[in-house]
């Protein structure tokens, strides 16, 4: 994937301390769409994701916490079960079908 191309990314974390958890969640919420409490998605370039991860990394304790970012495949069939990804009627302008399907 070219560095300048936007793609969907999964950003997730496991934070041991409640104070750090609140701080990390607040930072992640400003930069990505929450899908679950510690699971976020964002369509971004690799550079944009690196900047977000750097911001989050400043708020964690690397000896106790875990922070990860994964690029997601595009152009493949998606399957999900249970509640929808976003509430009915909510669309994210300018995002790929990953976020809106």
N, C-alpha and C. Protein backbone atom coordinates (compact mmCIF):
# COMPACT_ATOMS: atom_id res chain seq x y z
N UNK A 1 0.85 -1.18 0.00
CA UNK A 1 0.00 0.00 0.00
C UNK A 1 0.89 1.24 0.00
N UNK A 2 0.70 2.16 -0.95
CA UNK A 2 1.48 3.39 -0.97
C UNK A 2 1.25 4.20 0.31
N UNK A 3 2.30 4.87 0.76
CA UNK A 3 2.22 5.63 2.02
C UNK A 3 1.17 6.73 1.98
N UNK A 4 0.87 7.26 0.80
CA UNK A 4 -0.08 8.38 0.71
C UNK A 4 -1.52 7.93 0.51
N UNK A 5 -1.75 6.63 0.32
CA UNK A 5 -3.11 6.13 0.10
C UNK A 5 -3.83 5.89 1.42
N UNK A 6 -5.06 6.35 1.49
CA UNK A 6 -5.86 6.11 2.69
C UNK A 6 -6.45 4.72 2.65
N UNK A 7 -6.48 4.10 3.81
CA UNK A 7 -7.04 2.76 3.96
C UNK A 7 -7.65 2.68 5.36
N UNK A 8 -8.57 1.74 5.57
CA UNK A 8 -9.12 1.57 6.92
C UNK A 8 -8.10 0.91 7.84
N UNK A 9 -8.02 1.40 9.04
CA UNK A 9 -7.12 0.88 10.07
C UNK A 9 -7.90 0.54 11.32
N UNK A 10 -7.48 -0.50 11.98
CA UNK A 10 -8.02 -0.90 13.27
C UNK A 10 -7.00 -0.50 14.32
N UNK A 11 -7.41 0.31 15.27
CA UNK A 11 -6.54 0.74 16.38
C UNK A 11 -7.15 0.18 17.65
N UNK A 12 -6.34 -0.56 18.42
CA UNK A 12 -6.88 -1.18 19.63
C UNK A 12 -5.85 -1.12 20.75
N UNK A 13 -6.35 -1.27 21.96
CA UNK A 13 -5.46 -1.19 23.11
C UNK A 13 -6.00 -2.01 24.26
N UNK A 14 -5.10 -2.34 25.17
CA UNK A 14 -5.42 -2.99 26.43
C UNK A 14 -4.61 -2.24 27.49
N UNK A 15 -5.28 -1.49 28.33
CA UNK A 15 -4.62 -0.60 29.29
C UNK A 15 -4.90 -1.10 30.70
N UNK A 16 -3.85 -1.27 31.50
CA UNK A 16 -3.97 -1.87 32.83
C UNK A 16 -4.49 -0.90 33.89
N UNK A 17 -4.19 0.37 33.78
CA UNK A 17 -4.53 1.35 34.81
C UNK A 17 -5.77 2.15 34.39
N UNK A 18 -6.79 2.28 35.25
CA UNK A 18 -8.01 3.00 34.89
C UNK A 18 -7.77 4.46 34.50
N UNK A 19 -6.83 5.15 35.15
CA UNK A 19 -6.55 6.55 34.80
C UNK A 19 -5.97 6.63 33.39
N UNK A 20 -5.00 5.79 33.09
CA UNK A 20 -4.43 5.78 31.73
C UNK A 20 -5.48 5.35 30.71
N UNK A 21 -6.33 4.40 31.08
CA UNK A 21 -7.38 3.94 30.17
C UNK A 21 -8.29 5.09 29.76
N UNK A 22 -8.71 5.89 30.72
CA UNK A 22 -9.58 7.05 30.39
C UNK A 22 -8.86 8.02 29.46
N UNK A 23 -7.58 8.26 29.73
CA UNK A 23 -6.81 9.20 28.90
C UNK A 23 -6.64 8.65 27.48
N UNK A 24 -6.28 7.38 27.36
CA UNK A 24 -6.10 6.77 26.04
C UNK A 24 -7.42 6.74 25.28
N UNK A 25 -8.50 6.41 25.96
CA UNK A 25 -9.82 6.39 25.30
C UNK A 25 -10.18 7.79 24.79
N UNK A 26 -9.91 8.82 25.57
CA UNK A 26 -10.21 10.18 25.14
C UNK A 26 -9.41 10.56 23.90
N UNK A 27 -8.14 10.22 23.88
CA UNK A 27 -7.29 10.53 22.71
C UNK A 27 -7.79 9.76 21.49
N UNK A 28 -8.03 8.47 21.64
CA UNK A 28 -8.49 7.65 20.52
C UNK A 28 -9.83 8.16 19.99
N UNK A 29 -10.72 8.58 20.87
CA UNK A 29 -12.04 9.06 20.46
C UNK A 29 -11.96 10.34 19.63
N UNK A 30 -10.92 11.12 19.84
CA UNK A 30 -10.75 12.36 19.05
C UNK A 30 -10.24 12.07 17.64
N UNK A 31 -9.67 10.89 17.42
CA UNK A 31 -9.01 10.62 16.14
C UNK A 31 -9.59 9.47 15.35
N UNK A 32 -10.51 8.69 15.93
CA UNK A 32 -11.04 7.52 15.24
C UNK A 32 -12.46 7.23 15.72
N UNK A 33 -13.12 6.34 14.99
CA UNK A 33 -14.51 5.97 15.29
C UNK A 33 -14.49 4.77 16.24
N UNK A 34 -15.11 4.89 17.41
CA UNK A 34 -15.14 3.73 18.32
C UNK A 34 -16.13 2.67 17.82
N UNK A 35 -15.68 1.43 17.80
CA UNK A 35 -16.56 0.31 17.47
C UNK A 35 -16.89 -0.48 18.72
N UNK A 36 -15.95 -0.56 19.63
CA UNK A 36 -16.14 -1.10 20.96
C UNK A 36 -15.28 -0.25 21.87
N UNK A 37 -15.30 -0.50 23.18
CA UNK A 37 -14.63 0.40 24.10
C UNK A 37 -13.15 0.60 23.78
N UNK A 38 -12.43 -0.43 23.44
CA UNK A 38 -11.01 -0.28 23.16
C UNK A 38 -10.65 -0.65 21.73
N UNK A 39 -11.62 -0.52 20.84
CA UNK A 39 -11.45 -0.88 19.43
C UNK A 39 -11.96 0.27 18.57
N UNK A 40 -11.07 0.83 17.75
CA UNK A 40 -11.40 2.01 16.95
C UNK A 40 -11.01 1.77 15.50
N UNK A 41 -11.73 2.43 14.58
CA UNK A 41 -11.39 2.37 13.17
C UNK A 41 -11.20 3.79 12.65
N UNK A 42 -10.30 3.88 11.69
CA UNK A 42 -10.03 5.18 11.09
C UNK A 42 -9.52 4.95 9.68
N UNK A 43 -10.04 5.66 8.73
CA UNK A 43 -9.49 5.65 7.38
C UNK A 43 -8.40 6.70 7.34
N UNK A 44 -7.17 6.27 7.04
CA UNK A 44 -6.04 7.18 7.13
C UNK A 44 -4.86 6.65 6.32
N UNK A 45 -3.90 7.52 6.09
CA UNK A 45 -2.63 7.10 5.50
C UNK A 45 -1.77 6.49 6.60
N UNK A 46 -0.70 5.82 6.19
CA UNK A 46 0.21 5.25 7.19
C UNK A 46 0.79 6.36 8.08
N UNK A 47 1.09 7.49 7.50
CA UNK A 47 1.65 8.62 8.27
C UNK A 47 0.64 9.13 9.30
N UNK A 48 -0.63 9.24 8.91
CA UNK A 48 -1.66 9.69 9.85
C UNK A 48 -1.83 8.71 11.00
N UNK A 49 -1.82 7.41 10.69
CA UNK A 49 -1.95 6.40 11.74
C UNK A 49 -0.73 6.44 12.66
N UNK A 50 0.44 6.62 12.10
CA UNK A 50 1.65 6.70 12.92
C UNK A 50 1.56 7.88 13.89
N UNK A 51 1.01 9.00 13.43
CA UNK A 51 0.86 10.17 14.31
C UNK A 51 -0.11 9.87 15.45
N UNK A 52 -1.22 9.20 15.14
CA UNK A 52 -2.20 8.83 16.17
C UNK A 52 -1.58 7.86 17.17
N UNK A 53 -0.88 6.85 16.66
CA UNK A 53 -0.24 5.87 17.55
C UNK A 53 0.81 6.56 18.42
N UNK A 54 1.55 7.51 17.87
CA UNK A 54 2.52 8.26 18.68
C UNK A 54 1.84 9.01 19.82
N UNK A 55 0.69 9.63 19.52
CA UNK A 55 -0.06 10.34 20.58
C UNK A 55 -0.52 9.37 21.66
N UNK A 56 -1.03 8.23 21.23
CA UNK A 56 -1.49 7.23 22.19
C UNK A 56 -0.33 6.64 22.98
N UNK A 57 0.79 6.43 22.32
CA UNK A 57 1.96 5.83 22.99
C UNK A 57 2.48 6.71 24.11
N UNK A 58 2.31 8.01 23.99
CA UNK A 58 2.74 8.93 25.05
C UNK A 58 1.90 8.76 26.32
N UNK A 59 0.70 8.20 26.18
CA UNK A 59 -0.22 8.09 27.31
C UNK A 59 -0.20 6.71 27.97
N UNK A 60 0.56 5.76 27.42
CA UNK A 60 0.54 4.41 27.98
C UNK A 60 1.84 4.11 28.74
N UNK A 61 1.79 3.03 29.49
CA UNK A 61 2.98 2.48 30.11
C UNK A 61 3.33 1.22 29.31
N UNK A 62 4.40 1.25 28.51
CA UNK A 62 4.68 0.11 27.64
C UNK A 62 5.00 -1.19 28.38
N UNK A 63 5.31 -1.11 29.66
CA UNK A 63 5.58 -2.32 30.43
C UNK A 63 4.29 -3.00 30.89
N UNK A 64 3.18 -2.25 30.94
CA UNK A 64 1.91 -2.79 31.43
C UNK A 64 0.80 -2.79 30.39
N UNK A 65 0.89 -1.95 29.38
CA UNK A 65 -0.20 -1.74 28.44
C UNK A 65 0.18 -2.26 27.05
N UNK A 66 -0.84 -2.42 26.21
CA UNK A 66 -0.65 -2.89 24.85
C UNK A 66 -1.40 -1.96 23.90
N UNK A 67 -0.75 -1.55 22.83
CA UNK A 67 -1.33 -0.66 21.84
C UNK A 67 -0.95 -1.20 20.47
N UNK A 68 -1.95 -1.34 19.58
CA UNK A 68 -1.71 -1.91 18.25
C UNK A 68 -2.51 -1.18 17.19
N UNK A 69 -2.00 -1.19 15.96
CA UNK A 69 -2.72 -0.66 14.80
C UNK A 69 -2.52 -1.63 13.65
N UNK A 70 -3.63 -2.02 13.01
CA UNK A 70 -3.59 -2.98 11.92
C UNK A 70 -4.28 -2.39 10.69
N UNK A 71 -3.65 -2.47 9.52
CA UNK A 71 -4.38 -2.08 8.30
C UNK A 71 -5.40 -3.17 7.98
N UNK A 72 -6.57 -2.77 7.52
CA UNK A 72 -7.62 -3.72 7.18
C UNK A 72 -7.69 -3.90 5.67
N UNK A 73 -8.07 -5.09 5.25
CA UNK A 73 -8.22 -5.38 3.83
C UNK A 73 -9.39 -4.60 3.25
N UNK A 74 -9.24 -4.17 2.03
CA UNK A 74 -10.35 -3.53 1.32
C UNK A 74 -10.67 -4.37 0.10
N UNK A 75 -11.87 -4.23 -0.41
CA UNK A 75 -12.28 -4.95 -1.60
C UNK A 75 -12.58 -6.42 -1.37
N UNK A 76 -12.79 -6.81 -0.12
CA UNK A 76 -13.16 -8.18 0.18
C UNK A 76 -14.52 -8.17 0.87
N UNK A 77 -15.30 -9.24 0.72
CA UNK A 77 -16.60 -9.26 1.37
C UNK A 77 -16.45 -9.14 2.90
N UNK A 78 -17.37 -8.39 3.49
CA UNK A 78 -17.34 -8.20 4.94
C UNK A 78 -18.50 -8.95 5.57
N UNK A 79 -18.26 -9.48 6.74
CA UNK A 79 -19.32 -10.17 7.47
C UNK A 79 -19.27 -9.69 8.91
N UNK A 80 -20.43 -9.43 9.43
CA UNK A 80 -20.51 -9.12 10.85
C UNK A 80 -21.83 -9.66 11.38
N UNK A 81 -21.84 -9.92 12.66
CA UNK A 81 -23.02 -10.49 13.31
C UNK A 81 -23.39 -9.61 14.49
N UNK A 82 -24.63 -9.61 14.85
CA UNK A 82 -25.08 -8.81 15.97
C UNK A 82 -25.39 -7.38 15.54
N UNK A 83 -25.26 -6.48 16.46
CA UNK A 83 -25.56 -5.08 16.18
C UNK A 83 -24.69 -4.55 15.05
N UNK A 84 -25.22 -3.58 14.33
CA UNK A 84 -24.49 -2.99 13.21
C UNK A 84 -23.26 -2.22 13.66
N UNK A 85 -22.39 -1.93 12.71
CA UNK A 85 -21.16 -1.19 13.02
C UNK A 85 -21.47 0.21 13.53
N UNK A 86 -22.39 0.87 12.86
CA UNK A 86 -22.81 2.21 13.26
C UNK A 86 -24.32 2.18 13.47
N UNK A 87 -24.84 3.07 14.31
CA UNK A 87 -26.29 3.11 14.48
C UNK A 87 -26.99 3.36 13.15
N UNK A 88 -28.22 2.84 13.00
CA UNK A 88 -28.98 3.05 11.78
C UNK A 88 -29.06 4.53 11.46
N UNK A 89 -28.84 4.86 10.19
CA UNK A 89 -28.94 6.24 9.74
C UNK A 89 -27.68 7.06 9.92
N UNK A 90 -26.67 6.53 10.59
CA UNK A 90 -25.43 7.27 10.81
C UNK A 90 -24.45 6.92 9.70
N UNK A 91 -24.02 7.92 8.97
CA UNK A 91 -23.02 7.75 7.92
C UNK A 91 -21.85 8.68 8.23
N UNK A 92 -20.67 8.23 7.85
CA UNK A 92 -19.48 9.06 8.06
C UNK A 92 -19.09 9.59 6.69
N UNK A 93 -19.20 10.89 6.50
CA UNK A 93 -18.95 11.50 5.22
C UNK A 93 -17.52 11.28 4.77
N UNK A 94 -17.35 10.86 3.52
CA UNK A 94 -16.05 10.70 2.94
C UNK A 94 -15.35 9.39 3.30
N UNK A 95 -15.99 8.51 4.02
CA UNK A 95 -15.36 7.26 4.41
C UNK A 95 -15.71 6.16 3.41
N UNK A 96 -14.91 5.11 3.39
CA UNK A 96 -15.15 3.99 2.49
C UNK A 96 -16.36 3.21 2.96
N UNK A 97 -16.76 2.26 2.15
CA UNK A 97 -17.92 1.45 2.49
C UNK A 97 -17.67 0.60 3.73
N UNK A 98 -16.40 0.42 4.13
CA UNK A 98 -16.12 -0.36 5.33
C UNK A 98 -16.89 0.21 6.51
N UNK A 99 -16.93 1.53 6.62
CA UNK A 99 -17.57 2.16 7.76
C UNK A 99 -19.07 2.27 7.61
N UNK A 100 -19.55 2.21 6.40
CA UNK A 100 -20.97 2.48 6.15
C UNK A 100 -21.77 1.24 5.77
N UNK A 101 -21.13 0.09 5.61
CA UNK A 101 -21.89 -1.08 5.15
C UNK A 101 -22.49 -1.84 6.31
